Protein backbone atom coordinates (compact mmCIF):
# COMPACT_ATOMS: atom_id res chain seq x y z
CA UNK A 1 0.00 0.00 0.00
CA UNK A 2 1.32 3.40 -0.85
CA UNK A 3 2.42 5.68 1.99
CA UNK A 4 0.09 8.39 0.66
CA UNK A 5 -2.94 6.08 0.97
CA UNK A 6 -1.94 5.07 4.52
CA UNK A 7 -1.57 8.74 5.47
CA UNK A 8 -5.05 9.46 4.10
CA UNK A 9 -6.56 6.56 6.02
CA UNK A 10 -4.93 7.68 9.28
CA UNK A 11 -5.99 11.30 8.74
CA UNK A 12 -9.58 10.15 8.16
CA UNK A 13 -9.64 8.26 11.46
CA UNK A 14 -11.38 5.03 12.31
CA UNK A 15 -14.68 4.21 10.63
CA UNK A 16 -16.78 1.26 9.51
CA UNK A 17 -14.01 0.33 7.08
CA UNK A 18 -10.86 1.56 8.85
CA UNK A 19 -9.53 0.20 12.15
CA UNK A 20 -6.30 1.04 13.96
CA UNK A 21 -4.54 -1.68 15.98
CA UNK A 22 -1.55 -0.85 18.17
CA UNK A 23 0.63 -3.69 19.41
CA UNK A 24 0.62 -4.43 23.13
CA UNK A 25 4.01 -5.69 24.31
CA UNK A 26 4.82 -6.64 20.72
CA UNK A 27 1.81 -8.95 20.46
CA UNK A 28 -1.39 -8.78 18.44
CA UNK A 29 -4.43 -9.08 20.64
CA UNK A 30 -7.55 -11.12 20.00
CA UNK A 31 -9.33 -7.94 18.93
CA UNK A 32 -7.38 -8.02 15.64
CA UNK A 33 -8.91 -11.34 14.72
CA UNK A 34 -12.36 -10.10 15.76
CA UNK A 35 -11.90 -7.07 13.52
CA UNK A 36 -10.79 -9.12 10.52
CA UNK A 37 -13.76 -11.42 10.98
CA UNK A 38 -16.17 -8.49 11.25
CA UNK A 39 -14.70 -6.82 8.14
CA UNK A 40 -15.04 -10.12 6.26
CA UNK A 41 -18.73 -10.25 7.09
CA UNK A 42 -19.52 -6.61 6.23
CA UNK A 43 -18.01 -4.14 3.78
CA UNK A 44 -14.34 -5.07 3.97
CA UNK A 45 -11.83 -2.42 4.89
CA UNK A 46 -8.38 -1.66 6.18
CA UNK A 47 -6.73 -2.73 9.42
CA UNK A 48 -3.65 -0.63 10.12
CA UNK A 49 -1.37 -2.45 12.54
CA UNK A 50 0.99 -0.26 14.54
CA UNK A 51 -1.39 2.71 14.72
CA UNK A 52 -2.99 3.81 18.01
CA UNK A 53 -6.67 4.74 18.33
CA UNK A 54 -5.76 8.44 18.26
CA UNK A 55 -4.00 7.99 14.90
CA UNK A 56 -0.47 8.19 16.25
CA UNK A 57 1.94 5.73 14.69
CA UNK A 58 3.28 3.35 17.32
CA UNK A 59 5.09 1.12 14.87
CA UNK A 60 5.93 -2.55 14.93
CA UNK A 61 8.99 -4.05 16.57
CA UNK A 62 10.94 -5.71 13.72
CA UNK A 63 11.61 -8.71 15.97
CA UNK A 64 7.85 -9.24 16.39
CA UNK A 65 6.92 -8.63 12.75
CA UNK A 66 7.65 -12.15 11.51
CA UNK A 67 5.58 -13.83 14.24
PDB file of N, CA and C in Angstrom:
ATOM      1  N   UNK A   1       0.860  -1.171   0.000  1.00  0.00           N
ATOM      2  CA  UNK A   1       0.000   0.000   0.000  1.00  0.00           C
ATOM      3  C   UNK A   1       0.903   1.230   0.000  1.00  0.00           C
ATOM      4  N   UNK A   2       0.523   2.190  -0.759  1.00  0.00           N
ATOM      5  CA  UNK A   2       1.321   3.402  -0.853  1.00  0.00           C
ATOM      6  C   UNK A   2       1.250   4.213   0.431  1.00  0.00           C
ATOM      7  N   UNK A   3       2.349   4.854   0.777  1.00  0.00           N
ATOM      8  CA  UNK A   3       2.418   5.677   1.988  1.00  0.00           C
ATOM      9  C   UNK A   3       1.365   6.778   1.963  1.00  0.00           C
ATOM     10  N   UNK A   4       1.090   7.324   0.779  1.00  0.00           N
ATOM     11  CA  UNK A   4       0.092   8.386   0.660  1.00  0.00           C
ATOM     12  C   UNK A   4      -1.296   7.876   1.062  1.00  0.00           C
ATOM     13  N   UNK A   5      -1.646   6.670   0.636  1.00  0.00           N
ATOM     14  CA  UNK A   5      -2.941   6.083   0.974  1.00  0.00           C
ATOM     15  C   UNK A   5      -3.028   5.826   2.481  1.00  0.00           C
ATOM     16  N   UNK A   6      -1.959   5.315   3.076  1.00  0.00           N
ATOM     17  CA  UNK A   6      -1.937   5.065   4.520  1.00  0.00           C
ATOM     18  C   UNK A   6      -2.118   6.383   5.269  1.00  0.00           C
ATOM     19  N   UNK A   7      -1.441   7.424   4.834  1.00  0.00           N
ATOM     20  CA  UNK A   7      -1.574   8.736   5.467  1.00  0.00           C
ATOM     21  C   UNK A   7      -3.009   9.240   5.393  1.00  0.00           C
ATOM     22  N   UNK A   8      -3.652   9.047   4.256  1.00  0.00           N
ATOM     23  CA  UNK A   8      -5.050   9.461   4.095  1.00  0.00           C
ATOM     24  C   UNK A   8      -5.963   8.684   5.038  1.00  0.00           C
ATOM     25  N   UNK A   9      -5.740   7.384   5.139  1.00  0.00           N
ATOM     26  CA  UNK A   9      -6.561   6.559   6.021  1.00  0.00           C
ATOM     27  C   UNK A   9      -6.410   6.986   7.477  1.00  0.00           C
ATOM     28  N   UNK A  10      -5.180   7.249   7.897  1.00  0.00           N
ATOM     29  CA  UNK A  10      -4.935   7.683   9.278  1.00  0.00           C
ATOM     30  C   UNK A  10      -5.573   9.040   9.527  1.00  0.00           C
ATOM     31  N   UNK A  11      -5.412   9.954   8.582  1.00  0.00           N
ATOM     32  CA  UNK A  11      -5.994  11.298   8.739  1.00  0.00           C
ATOM     33  C   UNK A  11      -7.519  11.242   8.836  1.00  0.00           C
ATOM     34  N   UNK A  12      -8.128  10.283   8.146  1.00  0.00           N
ATOM     35  CA  UNK A  12      -9.576  10.148   8.164  1.00  0.00           C
ATOM     36  C   UNK A  12     -10.116   9.507   9.435  1.00  0.00           C
ATOM     37  N   UNK A  13      -9.232   8.893  10.212  1.00  0.00           N
ATOM     38  CA  UNK A  13      -9.635   8.263  11.461  1.00  0.00           C
ATOM     39  C   UNK A  13     -10.338   6.931  11.252  1.00  0.00           C
ATOM     40  N   UNK A  14     -10.695   6.312  12.367  1.00  0.00           N
ATOM     41  CA  UNK A  14     -11.375   5.029  12.313  1.00  0.00           C
ATOM     42  C   UNK A  14     -12.817   5.203  11.837  1.00  0.00           C
ATOM     43  N   UNK A  15     -13.322   4.173  11.168  1.00  0.00           N
ATOM     44  CA  UNK A  15     -14.682   4.212  10.634  1.00  0.00           C
ATOM     45  C   UNK A  15     -15.176   2.778  10.473  1.00  0.00           C
ATOM     46  N   UNK A  16     -16.269   2.602   9.765  1.00  0.00           N
ATOM     47  CA  UNK A  16     -16.778   1.257   9.506  1.00  0.00           C
ATOM     48  C   UNK A  16     -15.805   0.413   8.701  1.00  0.00           C
ATOM     49  N   UNK A  17     -14.933   1.071   7.947  1.00  0.00           N
ATOM     50  CA  UNK A  17     -14.011   0.329   7.083  1.00  0.00           C
ATOM     51  C   UNK A  17     -12.537   0.574   7.389  1.00  0.00           C
ATOM     52  N   UNK A  18     -12.246   1.299   8.449  1.00  0.00           N
ATOM     53  CA  UNK A  18     -10.858   1.560   8.854  1.00  0.00           C
ATOM     54  C   UNK A  18     -10.731   1.322  10.351  1.00  0.00           C
ATOM     55  N   UNK A  19      -9.756   0.508  10.732  1.00  0.00           N
ATOM     56  CA  UNK A  19      -9.531   0.200  12.150  1.00  0.00           C
ATOM     57  C   UNK A  19      -8.037   0.294  12.428  1.00  0.00           C
ATOM     58  N   UNK A  20      -7.690   0.935  13.531  1.00  0.00           N
ATOM     59  CA  UNK A  20      -6.295   1.037  13.960  1.00  0.00           C
ATOM     60  C   UNK A  20      -6.041  -0.004  15.050  1.00  0.00           C
ATOM     61  N   UNK A  21      -4.901  -0.676  14.981  1.00  0.00           N
ATOM     62  CA  UNK A  21      -4.545  -1.676  15.979  1.00  0.00           C
ATOM     63  C   UNK A  21      -3.097  -1.471  16.430  1.00  0.00           C
ATOM     64  N   UNK A  22      -2.913  -0.926  17.633  1.00  0.00           N
ATOM     65  CA  UNK A  22      -1.552  -0.848  18.170  1.00  0.00           C
ATOM     66  C   UNK A  22      -1.135  -2.236  18.660  1.00  0.00           C
ATOM     67  N   UNK A  23       0.139  -2.426  18.841  1.00  0.00           N
ATOM     68  CA  UNK A  23       0.627  -3.688  19.406  1.00  0.00           C
ATOM     69  C   UNK A  23       0.841  -3.503  20.903  1.00  0.00           C
ATOM     70  N   UNK A  24       0.389  -4.457  21.691  1.00  0.00           N
ATOM     71  CA  UNK A  24       0.620  -4.434  23.132  1.00  0.00           C
ATOM     72  C   UNK A  24       1.753  -5.397  23.440  1.00  0.00           C
ATOM     73  N   UNK A  25       2.836  -4.868  23.969  1.00  0.00           N
ATOM     74  CA  UNK A  25       4.012  -5.689  24.305  1.00  0.00           C
ATOM     75  C   UNK A  25       4.472  -6.521  23.113  1.00  0.00           C
ATOM     76  N   UNK A  26       4.355  -5.949  21.918  1.00  0.00           N
ATOM     77  CA  UNK A  26       4.815  -6.638  20.719  1.00  0.00           C
ATOM     78  C   UNK A  26       3.911  -7.755  20.245  1.00  0.00           C
ATOM     79  N   UNK A  27       2.709  -7.859  20.810  1.00  0.00           N
ATOM     80  CA  UNK A  27       1.807  -8.945  20.459  1.00  0.00           C
ATOM     81  C   UNK A  27       0.497  -8.399  19.891  1.00  0.00           C
ATOM     82  N   UNK A  28      -0.071  -9.122  18.960  1.00  0.00           N
ATOM     83  CA  UNK A  28      -1.389  -8.784  18.439  1.00  0.00           C
ATOM     84  C   UNK A  28      -2.433  -9.385  19.375  1.00  0.00           C
ATOM     85  N   UNK A  29      -3.386  -8.591  19.765  1.00  0.00           N
ATOM     86  CA  UNK A  29      -4.433  -9.081  20.643  1.00  0.00           C
ATOM     87  C   UNK A  29      -5.533  -9.794  19.878  1.00  0.00           C
ATOM     88  N   UNK A  30      -6.427 -10.427  20.611  1.00  0.00           N
ATOM     89  CA  UNK A  30      -7.552 -11.121  19.995  1.00  0.00           C
ATOM     90  C   UNK A  30      -8.456 -10.171  19.232  1.00  0.00           C
ATOM     91  N   UNK A  31      -8.444  -8.893  19.606  1.00  0.00           N
ATOM     92  CA  UNK A  31      -9.328  -7.939  18.929  1.00  0.00           C
ATOM     93  C   UNK A  31      -8.990  -7.809  17.448  1.00  0.00           C
ATOM     94  N   UNK A  32      -7.736  -8.067  17.064  1.00  0.00           N
ATOM     95  CA  UNK A  32      -7.381  -8.015  15.642  1.00  0.00           C
ATOM     96  C   UNK A  32      -8.163  -9.069  14.877  1.00  0.00           C
ATOM     97  N   UNK A  33      -8.222 -10.256  15.411  1.00  0.00           N
ATOM     98  CA  UNK A  33      -8.906 -11.341  14.723  1.00  0.00           C
ATOM     99  C   UNK A  33     -10.416 -11.093  14.691  1.00  0.00           C
ATOM    100  N   UNK A  34     -10.946 -10.487  15.743  1.00  0.00           N
ATOM    101  CA  UNK A  34     -12.362 -10.101  15.763  1.00  0.00           C
ATOM    102  C   UNK A  34     -12.645  -9.067  14.674  1.00  0.00           C
ATOM    103  N   UNK A  35     -11.734  -8.113  14.524  1.00  0.00           N
ATOM    104  CA  UNK A  35     -11.904  -7.068  13.517  1.00  0.00           C
ATOM    105  C   UNK A  35     -11.857  -7.646  12.113  1.00  0.00           C
ATOM    106  N   UNK A  36     -10.905  -8.506  11.850  1.00  0.00           N
ATOM    107  CA  UNK A  36     -10.787  -9.117  10.518  1.00  0.00           C
ATOM    108  C   UNK A  36     -12.048  -9.912  10.202  1.00  0.00           C
ATOM    109  N   UNK A  37     -12.529 -10.650  11.179  1.00  0.00           N
ATOM    110  CA  UNK A  37     -13.756 -11.422  10.985  1.00  0.00           C
ATOM    111  C   UNK A  37     -14.943 -10.510  10.699  1.00  0.00           C
ATOM    112  N   UNK A  38     -15.066  -9.429  11.455  1.00  0.00           N
ATOM    113  CA  UNK A  38     -16.170  -8.489  11.248  1.00  0.00           C
ATOM    114  C   UNK A  38     -16.080  -7.831   9.869  1.00  0.00           C
ATOM    115  N   UNK A  39     -14.878  -7.439   9.457  1.00  0.00           N
ATOM    116  CA  UNK A  39     -14.705  -6.823   8.144  1.00  0.00           C
ATOM    117  C   UNK A  39     -15.075  -7.819   7.042  1.00  0.00           C
ATOM    118  N   UNK A  40     -14.740  -9.087   7.253  1.00  0.00           N
ATOM    119  CA  UNK A  40     -15.043 -10.119   6.265  1.00  0.00           C
ATOM    120  C   UNK A  40     -16.542 -10.279   6.071  1.00  0.00           C
ATOM    121  N   UNK A  41     -17.286 -10.050   7.126  1.00  0.00           N
ATOM    122  CA  UNK A  41     -18.727 -10.248   7.090  1.00  0.00           C
ATOM    123  C   UNK A  41     -19.502  -8.988   6.757  1.00  0.00           C
ATOM    124  N   UNK A  42     -18.814  -7.877   6.533  1.00  0.00           N
ATOM    125  CA  UNK A  42     -19.516  -6.613   6.232  1.00  0.00           C
ATOM    126  C   UNK A  42     -19.013  -6.041   4.915  1.00  0.00           C
ATOM    127  N   UNK A  43     -18.396  -4.878   4.985  1.00  0.00           N
ATOM    128  CA  UNK A  43     -18.013  -4.143   3.784  1.00  0.00           C
ATOM    129  C   UNK A  43     -16.547  -4.315   3.393  1.00  0.00           C
ATOM    130  N   UNK A  44     -15.780  -5.034   4.195  1.00  0.00           N
ATOM    131  CA  UNK A  44     -14.342  -5.075   3.972  1.00  0.00           C
ATOM    132  C   UNK A  44     -13.720  -3.827   4.572  1.00  0.00           C
ATOM    133  N   UNK A  45     -12.455  -3.627   4.366  1.00  0.00           N
ATOM    134  CA  UNK A  45     -11.831  -2.421   4.886  1.00  0.00           C
ATOM    135  C   UNK A  45     -10.348  -2.595   5.102  1.00  0.00           C
ATOM    136  N   UNK A  46      -9.815  -1.704   5.915  1.00  0.00           N
ATOM    137  CA  UNK A  46      -8.379  -1.657   6.184  1.00  0.00           C
ATOM    138  C   UNK A  46      -8.139  -1.778   7.676  1.00  0.00           C
ATOM    139  N   UNK A  47      -7.192  -2.642   8.047  1.00  0.00           N
ATOM    140  CA  UNK A  47      -6.728  -2.734   9.421  1.00  0.00           C
ATOM    141  C   UNK A  47      -5.279  -2.271   9.405  1.00  0.00           C
ATOM    142  N   UNK A  48      -5.005  -1.177  10.086  1.00  0.00           N
ATOM    143  CA  UNK A  48      -3.645  -0.630  10.119  1.00  0.00           C
ATOM    144  C   UNK A  48      -3.001  -1.027  11.435  1.00  0.00           C
ATOM    145  N   UNK A  49      -2.065  -1.951  11.362  1.00  0.00           N
ATOM    146  CA  UNK A  49      -1.370  -2.452  12.544  1.00  0.00           C
ATOM    147  C   UNK A  49      -0.206  -1.520  12.857  1.00  0.00           C
ATOM    148  N   UNK A  50      -0.063  -1.171  14.130  1.00  0.00           N
ATOM    149  CA  UNK A  50       0.991  -0.258  14.543  1.00  0.00           C
ATOM    150  C   UNK A  50       0.526   1.179  14.580  1.00  0.00           C
ATOM    151  N   UNK A  51      -0.808   1.373  14.630  1.00  0.00           N
ATOM    152  CA  UNK A  51      -1.392   2.709  14.720  1.00  0.00           C
ATOM    153  C   UNK A  51      -2.335   2.724  15.922  1.00  0.00           C
ATOM    154  N   UNK A  52      -2.159   3.696  16.814  1.00  0.00           N
ATOM    155  CA  UNK A  52      -2.994   3.811  18.012  1.00  0.00           C
ATOM    156  C   UNK A  52      -4.355   4.393  17.651  1.00  0.00           C
ATOM    157  N   UNK A  53      -5.307   4.253  18.566  1.00  0.00           N
ATOM    158  CA  UNK A  53      -6.671   4.738  18.329  1.00  0.00           C
ATOM    159  C   UNK A  53      -6.733   6.227  18.015  1.00  0.00           C
ATOM    160  N   UNK A  54      -5.774   6.994  18.533  1.00  0.00           N
ATOM    161  CA  UNK A  54      -5.764   8.441  18.258  1.00  0.00           C
ATOM    162  C   UNK A  54      -5.077   8.788  16.935  1.00  0.00           C
ATOM    163  N   UNK A  55      -4.638   7.770  16.195  1.00  0.00           N
ATOM    164  CA  UNK A  55      -3.999   7.987  14.901  1.00  0.00           C
ATOM    165  C   UNK A  55      -2.495   8.132  14.952  1.00  0.00           C
ATOM    166  N   UNK A  56      -1.926   8.103  16.161  1.00  0.00           N
ATOM    167  CA  UNK A  56      -0.469   8.191  16.245  1.00  0.00           C
ATOM    168  C   UNK A  56       0.149   6.854  15.841  1.00  0.00           C
ATOM    169  N   UNK A  57       1.273   6.935  15.166  1.00  0.00           N
ATOM    170  CA  UNK A  57       1.944   5.729  14.687  1.00  0.00           C
ATOM    171  C   UNK A  57       2.833   5.188  15.798  1.00  0.00           C
ATOM    172  N   UNK A  58       2.506   3.991  16.254  1.00  0.00           N
ATOM    173  CA  UNK A  58       3.278   3.354  17.323  1.00  0.00           C
ATOM    174  C   UNK A  58       4.333   2.420  16.755  1.00  0.00           C
ATOM    175  N   UNK A  59       4.122   1.972  15.526  1.00  0.00           N
ATOM    176  CA  UNK A  59       5.088   1.119  14.867  1.00  0.00           C
ATOM    177  C   UNK A  59       4.994  -0.340  15.283  1.00  0.00           C
ATOM    178  N   UNK A  60       5.865  -1.131  14.664  1.00  0.00           N
ATOM    179  CA  UNK A  60       5.931  -2.551  14.934  1.00  0.00           C
ATOM    180  C   UNK A  60       7.382  -2.905  15.182  1.00  0.00           C
ATOM    181  N   UNK A  61       7.633  -3.596  16.273  1.00  0.00           N
ATOM    182  CA  UNK A  61       8.988  -4.052  16.571  1.00  0.00           C
ATOM    183  C   UNK A  61       9.406  -5.041  15.486  1.00  0.00           C
ATOM    184  N   UNK A  62      10.508  -4.789  14.798  1.00  0.00           N
ATOM    185  CA  UNK A  62      10.937  -5.706  13.720  1.00  0.00           C
ATOM    186  C   UNK A  62      11.086  -7.148  14.192  1.00  0.00           C
ATOM    187  N   UNK A  63      11.463  -7.349  15.452  1.00  0.00           N
ATOM    188  CA  UNK A  63      11.611  -8.709  15.972  1.00  0.00           C
ATOM    189  C   UNK A  63      10.269  -9.422  16.092  1.00  0.00           C
ATOM    190  N   UNK A  64       9.181  -8.661  16.235  1.00  0.00           N
ATOM    191  CA  UNK A  64       7.846  -9.243  16.389  1.00  0.00           C
ATOM    192  C   UNK A  64       7.120  -9.352  15.046  1.00  0.00           C
ATOM    193  N   UNK A  65       7.638  -8.706  14.015  1.00  0.00           N
ATOM    194  CA  UNK A  65       6.917  -8.632  12.753  1.00  0.00           C
ATOM    195  C   UNK A  65       6.742 -10.006  12.105  1.00  0.00           C
ATOM    196  N   UNK A  66       7.745 -10.842  12.159  1.00  0.00           N
ATOM    197  CA  UNK A  66       7.649 -12.146  11.510  1.00  0.00           C
ATOM    198  C   UNK A  66       6.607 -13.030  12.181  1.00  0.00           C
ATOM    199  N   UNK A  67       6.538 -12.990  13.503  1.00  0.00           N
ATOM    200  CA  UNK A  67       5.578 -13.827  14.237  1.00  0.00           C
ATOM    201  C   UNK A  67       4.179 -13.370  14.014  1.00  0.00           C
TER     202      UNK A  67
END
